[in-house]
Amino acid sequence: MRRRAATLLATVGSLAVGCGGEKTNAPSARDTSVVAVIKGLDNPFFGTMRDGLVATAERYQTPLRVEAAADQSDAAGQASRLDSQTTSHAGCYLVNPVNQANLIEPLSRLTPGTPIVNIDSPVGQRQAAAVGVQITTYIGTDNAAAGAAAANAMASIVARGARIAVLTGTPGDATSAARIDGFRRGAAGRFRVVASAAADFDRRRAELATEELLSTDRRLAGVFAANDLMALGAARAVRAAGRRGEVAVIGVDGIREALTAIRRGSLSATVAQYPYTIGQLGVQACLAATRAKKVPARIDAPIQVVTSANVARAEANFPEPIEAFENPLAALLS
């Protein structure tokens, strides 16, 4: 039966790893079951995150259920998926919200004291606290630092004072805002951010937005996109305009397709974050919390700038980090 806990049962929107049977009681000190609610699998970043969740649950023989939003804008649907799991009384709930507020109401219906691990995209702390929701720990990328790292990479490619555009994610998304802010701060004194367009984390919208930016400003020397899908769309627009090699394109995420694009020369760089590791840390934090261990309030996942110089190593290590990462939760579970 323990081995069956590692069996993956998948549908388009949800998957489960666990021993059958519904829970009817509140979580106990020995209950290590985990319910994870993540963003849409239309973005491969979250598919890799799911893989990290599942692999870690298998490693620790932990019952796991993963629910995924239909897509990255499915705030209401994601909330409904979490709401449907609140009565399962899992030992821990792991959430990767579409926005800062959409999962707060269903989280407020959990049994008091149930650990809540927040990964990747933050739950709004003030809104959560107002209804009595306490987040056990937040695990994710320092997105401002990721934006700053992208600015460093851009500065190494373009001339001082160059004109750069940025592509933002879904309006109101805290992750996108932090990356763009970090990039803008990193630009100071080195290059100028002269234009911004919202592309909703979508490849095609980013391609169309970049086409417009390039036609409007013939002196544009670079594009920074708040995720890799948008960067790939921007790179396609740059190629179509015949300006490959003239306009630098940098993204964030480090998805496999972005690494391939860097190796082929169509993408200049990506700031790789590691969704597999974020998923791993999320399950480990849940296990530590259900064992009454003191879990750090925040854990920063690793980031690494990937360029043509190190892309071969990044591809060889995928989905793991290029550099060794000191896992602060490992000792709690030994």
Foldseek 3Di string as FASTA:
>chain_A
DLQQLLDWDDDQFKIWRHDDDFAQDADDLPFLAEEEQAEHVVDVLVVLLVVLQSVLCNVVSHTYMYGYANHLQRLQRSLVVLLVCQRSNGQAYEYAHSAQDSNLVSQLSHDPPRAYEYEAFHHPPVVNVVSPRDHQAYEEAQLLVQLLVVLVLVLVQDAFAAEEEEEFADPRGPSRVSSPNSVCVNNPRGYDHDYYYYQNLALQSLLVVLLVVCVVDVRHQEYEYAAVSSLNSNLVNCVVVVNQVRYATEYEALDPVSLVCQLVRSHFKYWHFASSVRSNLSSLQSNLVSNVHRDDRYHHGDIDIDHNVCSVLSNVQPNDDSDDDDRPSPVSVD
